[in-house]
Amino acid sequence: MKRILSVILAGMMTITAFAACCAEQTDEKKESAVSPDSALTEVNGDLHTLYFRDGNKSDKVAAIFLNSLTGESEEVEMVKCGEDSDAYTFSCEGNVKKYNVAYFNYDDKKTKSFAFNRCVSGWQKSSDGFTPYTQGAETDDSPHYEQITLDCNGYDKKIYVWTPEKYDADSDEKYAAIYVLDGQSEVNFQNPESRPDECLYLPEQVRSMMAETGYKAIVVAVSTYGDMTTCMRDDELVPDLGEPTAEGFTSKRVGGDLARFMAETLVPYIQQHYNVYTDALHTAVTGASLGGLETFYITIEYPEVFGTAGALSPSFWTYDEAAWKSYLSKKDFADHTPFIYLYTGPAGGDTDPYVTEMYDRMKDMGYPADKLVLHFNENGGHHAKYWRGYFAEFLSVMAFQRVDPLQQEIDG
């Protein structure tokens, strides 16, 4: 079984849609950074404003809002609320309790779907493609990452740290930390003005979350190419649960070494050198494909360190049912229960049915329903352009520790 394993780095809450014109963002919409023992709570009822910056300068734009569980949808005509020499800006409001996915229709075309929740400000269509957009903020074509090199099991590990523009290293203000596997996919040091094809536009995603919720975070992008000689990506992002059962797939299975480096070396380093919280609730890890597999493993191994996991199209196919059950049966989450967010698309184009099987397996083994969620994107594929669109759902999980409407049934 031949697999094409993409690198990554690869919101959700929802929206009905009542037409509205461009609402000014007010202080009431935003939450300040939260204390270490709490998550954000939602404000301002169910409505949230969505923006679309259209470089095509279309005469008419509509937002289509979807509920990915029920299939219910609604089309809302957007209102033009701004223009400049490069683009028109449109807006409307949507109900984040009812819908969790959206896309735009313009000039008889439609954009890719994306997660919609309170961490999303908007998206823009420009010469750079379809990318996250924060209303009122200037586009930063080359965000600055500080490069750090740490020893990881005998070889140099490249780490790239992005901090928000108003981050002050000398202040007492604390930030959450988002650790991203395959972080090299975000950074292009040879040509800083050109973003890699696998880029998720992480600074833009976090800026949008901060502008809409006030929840502050830094990004710690972790290169996962091993040392490029004795240890490669397929080795470093695969834990050792026995011999992989996927046909034709080989790996040295040193994911345990990477997990230990993350928990025992990298996290303490970041907590010592940056203004971040030191609790698990404000420490999250995410990755896609094999990075999603390793994200899941890291969180299961170190739930006291990482309180939220975003496993995007994780490669659970590497091991069979027996291997996974044997591994998970040895784990106890009585003291620490991280929130695990799973995302996948259909078989053939993405990693299902393996992700759905893992979701069902975890539930059957008693993992708390309020700490486990699956988003199945029936139109999804195994590529960063899909993970980019749904990354804000993981951010929403981190900030709110809940996903509407995917978790509404747990309220009874």
Protein backbone atom coordinates (compact mmCIF):
# COMPACT_ATOMS: atom_id res chain seq x y z
CA MET A 1 0.00 0.00 0.00
CA LYS A 2 1.77 3.05 -1.25
CA ARG A 3 1.35 6.21 0.76
CA ILE A 4 2.31 9.76 -0.11
CA LEU A 5 3.18 11.35 3.16
CA SER A 6 2.90 15.10 3.03
CA VAL A 7 4.73 17.44 5.38
CA ILE A 8 2.81 20.13 7.17
CA LEU A 9 1.95 21.92 8.94
CA ALA A 10 -1.43 21.49 8.63
CA GLY A 11 -11.47 26.49 13.98
CA MET A 12 -14.37 25.59 14.55
CA MET A 13 -17.37 26.55 16.44
CA THR A 14 -19.92 27.53 13.80
CA ILE A 15 -22.34 29.82 12.06
CA THR A 16 -25.91 30.37 10.84
CA ALA A 17 -25.85 33.39 8.96
CA PHE A 18 -27.79 36.52 9.38
CA ALA A 19 -26.80 39.27 6.95
CA ALA A 20 -25.08 42.18 8.56
CA CYS A 21 -22.79 44.89 7.50
CA CYS A 22 -19.23 45.33 8.52
CA ALA A 23 -19.35 45.46 12.29
CA GLU A 24 -16.58 47.25 14.12
CA GLN A 25 -14.72 44.96 16.47
CA THR A 26 -15.22 46.15 20.02
CA ASP A 27 -13.45 45.48 23.25
CA GLU A 28 -16.51 43.50 24.37
CA LYS A 29 -15.76 40.91 21.69
CA LYS A 30 -12.33 40.21 23.04
CA GLU A 31 -11.19 38.28 26.07
CA SER A 32 -7.97 39.01 27.88
CA ALA A 33 -5.40 36.27 28.36
CA VAL A 34 -6.72 33.72 30.78
CA SER A 35 -5.37 32.45 34.05
CA PRO A 36 -3.41 29.17 34.04
CA ASP A 37 -6.30 27.15 35.46
CA SER A 38 -9.03 28.22 33.03
CA ALA A 39 -9.98 28.40 29.35
CA LEU A 40 -11.79 31.16 27.51
CA THR A 41 -15.56 31.37 27.69
CA GLU A 42 -17.58 32.56 24.74
CA VAL A 43 -19.06 36.05 24.71
CA ASN A 44 -21.57 38.10 22.74
CA GLY A 45 -24.14 35.38 22.18
CA ASP A 46 -24.06 33.20 19.10
CA LEU A 47 -23.19 35.67 16.34
CA HIS A 48 -19.73 36.26 14.93
CA THR A 49 -18.58 38.48 12.03
CA LEU A 50 -16.82 36.92 9.05
CA TYR A 51 -14.79 38.94 6.52
CA PHE A 52 -13.70 38.23 2.96
CA ARG A 53 -11.03 40.39 1.32
CA ASP A 54 -11.51 39.87 -2.39
CA GLY A 55 -8.63 40.70 -4.71
CA ASN A 56 -10.91 40.05 -7.71
CA LYS A 57 -13.08 43.01 -6.64
CA SER A 58 -16.28 41.07 -7.27
CA ASP A 59 -19.61 42.87 -7.45
CA LYS A 60 -21.34 40.27 -5.31
CA VAL A 61 -20.15 37.74 -2.71
CA ALA A 62 -22.09 35.21 -0.68
CA ALA A 63 -21.01 33.19 2.34
CA ILE A 64 -22.29 29.62 2.58
CA PHE A 65 -22.39 28.25 6.11
CA LEU A 66 -22.47 24.53 6.84
CA ASN A 67 -22.94 22.15 9.75
CA SER A 68 -20.49 19.33 9.03
CA LEU A 69 -22.46 16.87 11.17
CA THR A 70 -26.00 17.42 9.94
CA GLY A 71 -25.33 18.79 6.45
CA GLU A 72 -27.56 21.80 7.13
CA SER A 73 -26.48 24.88 5.19
CA GLU A 74 -27.44 28.49 4.64
CA GLU A 75 -26.38 31.08 2.07
CA VAL A 76 -25.98 34.71 3.13
CA GLU A 77 -25.25 37.65 0.89
CA MET A 78 -22.23 39.55 2.20
CA VAL A 79 -22.14 43.33 2.44
CA LYS A 80 -19.31 45.37 0.94
CA CYS A 81 -17.77 47.27 3.83
CA GLY A 82 -14.45 48.51 2.49
CA GLU A 83 -12.25 48.92 -0.55
CA ASP A 84 -8.75 49.95 -1.52
CA SER A 85 -6.63 49.79 -4.65
CA ASP A 86 -6.00 46.05 -4.18
CA ALA A 87 -9.29 44.57 -3.00
CA TYR A 88 -12.86 44.91 -1.80
CA THR A 89 -13.79 43.72 1.68
CA PHE A 90 -17.12 42.05 2.42
CA SER A 91 -18.67 40.91 5.69
CA CYS A 92 -21.65 39.18 7.26
CA GLU A 93 -22.53 37.58 10.58
CA GLY A 94 -23.01 33.93 11.37
CA ASN A 95 -24.16 31.78 14.27
CA VAL A 96 -21.19 29.92 15.70
CA LYS A 97 -23.42 27.51 17.62
CA LYS A 98 -25.14 26.18 14.52
CA TYR A 99 -22.53 26.06 11.75
CA ASN A 100 -18.84 25.19 11.87
CA VAL A 101 -17.77 25.38 8.21
CA ALA A 102 -18.01 28.08 5.56
CA TYR A 103 -16.89 29.03 2.06
CA PHE A 104 -17.40 31.98 -0.26
CA ASN A 105 -19.13 32.22 -3.64
CA TYR A 106 -17.99 34.99 -5.99
CA ASP A 107 -18.09 35.51 -9.78
CA ASP A 108 -19.58 32.02 -10.27
CA LYS A 109 -16.63 30.54 -8.39
CA LYS A 110 -16.24 29.21 -4.89
CA THR A 111 -13.36 29.10 -2.46
CA LYS A 112 -12.23 26.08 -0.50
CA SER A 113 -14.15 25.43 2.69
CA PHE A 114 -12.70 26.47 6.02
CA ALA A 115 -13.50 26.24 9.71
CA PHE A 116 -15.58 29.04 11.12
CA ASN A 117 -15.55 29.94 14.80
CA ARG A 118 -14.61 32.79 17.12
CA CYS A 119 -10.93 32.37 16.31
CA VAL A 120 -11.55 33.25 12.65
CA SER A 121 -11.58 36.84 11.44
CA GLY A 122 -11.67 36.13 7.72
CA TRP A 123 -9.92 34.99 4.55
CA GLN A 124 -8.53 36.77 1.54
CA LYS A 125 -8.25 35.97 -2.16
CA SER A 126 -5.13 37.48 -3.65
CA SER A 127 -2.17 36.68 -5.91
CA ASP A 128 -0.79 34.56 -3.04
CA GLY A 129 -3.84 32.30 -3.07
CA PHE A 130 -6.49 31.80 -0.39
CA THR A 131 -5.02 32.75 2.97
CA PRO A 132 -6.12 33.81 6.49
CA TYR A 133 -6.98 37.47 6.90
CA THR A 134 -7.51 39.64 9.96
CA GLN A 135 -9.83 42.58 9.45
CA GLY A 136 -7.99 45.88 9.85
CA ALA A 137 -4.52 44.32 9.94
CA GLU A 138 -1.83 44.70 7.31
CA THR A 139 -0.64 41.59 5.50
CA ASP A 140 2.82 40.42 6.58
CA ASP A 141 4.43 38.58 3.68
CA SER A 142 7.49 37.48 5.64
CA PRO A 143 6.83 36.96 9.36
CA HIS A 144 9.93 36.84 11.51
CA TYR A 145 10.95 33.61 13.23
CA GLU A 146 13.77 33.44 15.73
CA GLN A 147 15.93 30.40 15.03
CA ILE A 148 17.13 28.20 17.88
CA THR A 149 19.30 25.07 17.73
CA LEU A 150 19.06 22.44 20.47
CA ASP A 151 20.63 19.02 20.85
CA CYS A 152 18.14 16.26 20.08
CA ASN A 153 19.42 12.76 20.66
CA GLY A 154 22.90 13.63 19.42
CA TYR A 155 22.08 15.88 16.47
CA ASP A 156 21.08 19.50 15.98
CA LYS A 157 17.37 20.24 16.00
CA LYS A 158 16.22 23.47 14.36
CA ILE A 159 13.47 25.33 16.20
CA TYR A 160 11.72 28.44 14.86
CA VAL A 161 9.85 30.72 17.28
CA TRP A 162 7.32 33.33 16.22
CA THR A 163 6.06 35.90 18.71
CA PRO A 164 3.26 38.45 18.10
CA GLU A 165 4.25 41.99 17.23
CA LYS A 166 3.29 43.36 20.65
CA TYR A 167 5.07 40.58 22.53
CA ASP A 168 7.29 42.12 25.21
CA ALA A 169 9.98 39.85 26.63
CA ASP A 170 10.38 42.17 29.64
CA SER A 171 6.71 42.20 30.64
CA ASP A 172 4.80 39.88 32.94
CA GLU A 173 2.14 39.12 30.33
CA LYS A 174 1.88 35.40 29.64
CA TYR A 175 1.19 33.59 26.37
CA ALA A 176 0.08 30.10 25.45
CA ALA A 177 2.57 28.05 23.42
CA ILE A 178 1.71 26.12 20.26
CA TYR A 179 4.29 23.48 19.30
CA VAL A 180 4.07 22.58 15.61
CA LEU A 181 5.67 19.51 14.06
CA ASP A 182 7.05 19.79 10.52
CA GLY A 183 7.75 23.38 11.39
CA GLN A 184 10.26 23.67 8.54
CA SER A 185 7.20 23.87 6.28
CA GLU A 186 6.45 27.32 7.70
CA VAL A 187 9.85 28.90 7.23
CA ASN A 188 11.82 29.73 4.10
CA PHE A 189 15.08 31.31 5.22
CA GLN A 190 16.67 31.15 1.76
CA ASN A 191 13.88 33.31 0.37
CA PRO A 192 11.95 34.96 3.25
CA GLU A 193 9.47 36.62 0.91
CA SER A 194 8.34 33.26 -0.50
CA ARG A 195 6.22 30.96 1.66
CA PRO A 196 6.68 27.17 1.28
CA ASP A 197 3.92 25.26 -0.53
CA GLU A 198 3.09 23.35 2.66
CA CYS A 199 2.79 26.55 4.70
CA LEU A 200 -0.21 26.86 7.03
CA TYR A 201 0.28 30.62 7.54
CA LEU A 202 0.56 30.11 11.28
CA PRO A 203 1.29 33.74 12.29
CA GLU A 204 -1.78 34.88 10.33
CA GLN A 205 -3.91 32.19 11.99
CA VAL A 206 -2.75 33.16 15.48
CA ARG A 207 -3.13 36.90 14.78
CA SER A 208 -6.71 36.25 13.75
CA MET A 209 -7.38 34.29 16.95
CA MET A 210 -5.82 36.99 19.10
CA ALA A 211 -7.75 39.80 17.41
CA GLU A 212 -11.07 38.00 17.81
CA THR A 213 -10.70 36.46 21.28
CA GLY A 214 -7.78 38.12 23.05
CA TYR A 215 -6.25 34.69 23.64
CA LYS A 216 -2.50 35.20 23.17
CA ALA A 217 -0.04 32.61 21.90
CA ILE A 218 3.40 32.12 20.42
CA VAL A 219 4.30 29.52 17.79
CA VAL A 220 7.17 27.07 18.25
CA ALA A 221 7.79 25.40 14.88
CA VAL A 222 9.86 22.23 15.20
CA SER A 223 11.83 20.95 12.21
CA THR A 224 11.22 17.21 11.90
CA TYR A 225 13.63 16.12 9.22
CA GLY A 226 15.84 14.27 11.70
CA ASP A 227 19.55 14.73 10.98
CA MET A 228 19.03 13.93 7.25
CA THR A 229 21.57 11.06 7.42
CA THR A 230 20.93 8.38 10.04
CA CYS A 231 17.49 9.64 11.06
CA MET A 232 14.86 10.90 8.64
CA ARG A 233 11.32 12.27 8.94
CA ASP A 234 9.76 8.82 8.51
CA ASP A 235 11.88 7.65 11.43
CA GLU A 236 11.44 10.61 13.75
CA LEU A 237 7.65 10.90 13.44
CA VAL A 238 6.83 7.22 14.02
CA PRO A 239 6.63 5.84 17.59
CA ASP A 240 7.73 2.29 18.32
CA LEU A 241 4.58 0.25 18.91
CA GLY A 242 6.05 -2.82 17.28
CA GLU A 243 6.60 -3.56 13.61
CA PRO A 244 4.50 -1.27 11.38
CA THR A 245 1.75 -3.24 9.69
CA ALA A 246 1.29 -0.92 6.69
CA GLU A 247 2.42 -2.65 3.51
CA GLY A 248 5.69 -1.29 2.12
CA PHE A 249 6.27 1.19 4.96
CA THR A 250 9.57 1.10 6.85
CA SER A 251 10.79 3.23 9.73
CA LYS A 252 13.39 3.20 12.47
CA ARG A 253 10.55 4.22 14.82
CA VAL A 254 12.34 6.79 16.98
CA GLY A 255 9.23 8.84 17.72
CA GLY A 256 9.76 8.10 21.40
CA ASP A 257 13.06 10.01 21.27
CA LEU A 258 11.39 13.02 19.67
CA ALA A 259 8.55 12.95 22.21
CA ARG A 260 11.06 12.92 25.06
CA PHE A 261 12.99 15.80 23.47
CA MET A 262 9.81 17.83 23.14
CA ALA A 263 8.65 17.25 26.72
CA GLU A 264 11.95 17.24 28.58
CA THR A 265 14.16 19.61 26.57
CA LEU A 266 12.20 21.90 24.27
CA VAL A 267 9.22 22.79 26.46
CA PRO A 268 11.40 23.61 29.50
CA TYR A 269 13.66 25.72 27.25
CA ILE A 270 10.74 27.72 25.86
CA GLN A 271 9.22 28.17 29.31
CA GLN A 272 12.54 29.47 30.62
CA HIS A 273 13.23 31.89 27.75
CA TYR A 274 9.76 33.15 26.76
CA ASN A 275 6.79 34.64 28.60
CA VAL A 276 4.59 31.56 28.40
CA TYR A 277 2.39 29.72 30.86
CA THR A 278 3.92 26.56 32.28
CA ASP A 279 0.69 24.56 32.71
CA ALA A 280 -0.58 21.92 30.28
CA LEU A 281 -3.80 23.82 29.52
CA HIS A 282 -1.80 26.51 27.73
CA THR A 283 0.67 24.12 26.09
CA ALA A 284 -0.52 22.57 22.82
CA VAL A 285 1.03 20.41 20.11
CA THR A 286 -0.11 19.87 16.53
CA GLY A 287 0.98 18.24 13.31
CA ALA A 288 -0.34 16.62 10.13
CA SER A 289 0.08 13.26 8.42
CA LEU A 290 3.00 11.51 10.19
CA GLY A 291 3.20 14.71 12.23
CA GLY A 292 -0.39 14.03 13.30
CA LEU A 293 0.57 10.50 14.33
CA GLU A 294 3.46 11.81 16.42
CA THR A 295 1.28 14.59 17.86
CA PHE A 296 -1.17 11.98 19.14
CA TYR A 297 1.66 9.88 20.57
CA ILE A 298 3.41 12.83 22.26
CA THR A 299 0.17 13.85 23.98
CA ILE A 300 -0.63 10.32 25.13
CA GLU A 301 2.91 9.92 26.50
CA TYR A 302 3.10 13.34 28.18
CA PRO A 303 -0.45 14.44 29.10
CA GLU A 304 0.92 16.39 32.06
CA VAL A 305 2.89 18.59 29.62
CA PHE A 306 0.59 18.96 26.60
CA GLY A 307 -3.04 19.76 27.39
CA THR A 308 -4.29 19.99 23.80
CA ALA A 309 -3.45 17.95 20.71
CA GLY A 310 -4.36 18.77 17.12
CA ALA A 311 -3.82 15.62 15.05
CA LEU A 312 -4.57 16.59 11.42
CA SER A 313 -4.96 13.62 9.05
CA PRO A 314 -2.84 11.47 11.39
CA SER A 315 -1.20 8.38 9.90
CA PHE A 316 -2.81 5.87 12.25
CA TRP A 317 -2.58 3.29 9.45
CA THR A 318 1.02 2.60 10.48
CA TYR A 319 -0.21 0.11 13.11
CA ASP A 320 -3.13 -2.30 13.26
CA GLU A 321 -5.99 -2.62 15.75
CA ALA A 322 -4.13 -5.02 18.03
CA ALA A 323 -1.07 -2.78 18.32
CA TRP A 324 -3.14 0.31 19.12
CA LYS A 325 -5.28 -1.47 21.69
CA SER A 326 -2.24 -2.96 23.38
CA TYR A 327 -0.57 0.46 23.59
CA LEU A 328 -3.59 2.44 24.74
CA SER A 329 -4.68 -0.15 27.31
CA LYS A 330 -1.54 0.65 29.31
CA LYS A 331 -2.39 4.33 29.65
CA ASP A 332 -4.23 5.99 32.53
CA PHE A 333 -5.66 9.51 32.17
CA ALA A 334 -7.17 9.81 35.62
CA ASP A 335 -4.85 12.67 36.61
CA HIS A 336 -4.28 14.33 33.22
CA THR A 337 -6.76 14.23 30.34
CA PRO A 338 -5.65 16.29 27.34
CA PHE A 339 -8.16 17.49 24.77
CA ILE A 340 -7.57 15.50 21.57
CA TYR A 341 -8.80 17.03 18.31
CA LEU A 342 -8.81 14.71 15.29
CA TYR A 343 -9.31 15.87 11.70
CA THR A 344 -9.48 13.75 8.54
CA GLY A 345 -10.95 13.36 5.08
CA PRO A 346 -12.28 10.34 3.19
CA ALA A 347 -10.42 7.19 2.22
CA GLY A 348 -8.47 7.53 -1.01
CA GLY A 349 -7.81 11.22 -0.57
CA ASP A 350 -6.94 11.28 3.12
CA THR A 351 -6.45 9.10 6.19
CA ASP A 352 -9.86 7.66 6.91
CA PRO A 353 -11.14 5.11 7.94
CA TYR A 354 -8.15 4.89 10.30
CA VAL A 355 -8.90 8.17 12.09
CA THR A 356 -12.58 7.39 12.57
CA GLU A 357 -11.55 3.99 13.91
CA MET A 358 -9.21 5.65 16.41
CA TYR A 359 -11.96 8.02 17.51
CA ASP A 360 -14.34 5.09 18.10
CA ARG A 361 -11.60 3.09 19.79
CA MET A 362 -10.82 5.89 22.23
CA LYS A 363 -14.51 6.30 23.09
CA ASP A 364 -14.95 2.54 23.57
CA MET A 365 -11.95 2.52 25.91
CA GLY A 366 -13.58 5.17 28.08
CA TYR A 367 -11.80 8.36 27.01
CA PRO A 368 -13.96 11.29 28.24
CA ALA A 369 -16.39 12.50 25.56
CA ASP A 370 -15.79 16.14 26.48
CA LYS A 371 -12.07 15.76 25.72
CA LEU A 372 -12.25 14.06 22.34
CA VAL A 373 -13.63 15.34 19.03
CA LEU A 374 -13.49 14.28 15.39
CA HIS A 375 -14.01 16.52 12.38
CA PHE A 376 -14.60 14.49 9.22
CA ASN A 377 -14.30 16.69 6.12
CA GLU A 378 -16.04 14.77 3.34
CA ASN A 379 -14.27 16.96 0.76
CA GLY A 380 -10.87 16.89 2.45
CA GLY A 381 -7.58 15.79 0.98
CA HIS A 382 -4.10 15.01 2.27
CA HIS A 383 -2.47 18.38 1.71
CA ALA A 384 -1.62 21.58 3.56
CA LYS A 385 -4.23 23.57 1.62
CA TYR A 386 -6.89 21.59 3.51
CA TRP A 387 -5.12 21.67 6.88
CA ARG A 388 -4.64 25.43 6.47
CA GLY A 389 -8.37 25.91 6.18
CA TYR A 390 -9.20 23.94 9.31
CA PHE A 391 -6.28 24.92 11.54
CA ALA A 392 -8.46 27.54 13.26
CA GLU A 393 -10.61 24.71 14.59
CA PHE A 394 -7.61 23.40 16.51
CA LEU A 395 -6.97 26.95 17.77
CA SER A 396 -10.56 27.10 18.98
CA VAL A 397 -10.10 23.80 20.81
CA MET A 398 -7.01 25.19 22.51
CA ALA A 399 -8.65 28.47 23.50
CA PHE A 400 -12.12 27.25 24.49
CA GLN A 401 -11.56 23.52 25.23
CA ARG A 402 -14.77 22.84 23.34
CA VAL A 403 -15.98 22.55 19.74
CA ASP A 404 -19.48 23.53 18.66
CA PRO A 405 -21.50 22.03 17.12
CA LEU A 406 -19.45 18.82 17.14
CA GLN A 407 -19.80 18.47 20.90
CA GLN A 408 -23.33 19.70 21.51
CA GLU A 409 -24.54 16.17 22.17
CA ILE A 410 -22.42 15.91 25.33
CA ASP A 411 -24.66 18.54 26.95
CA GLY A 412 -27.54 16.06 26.80
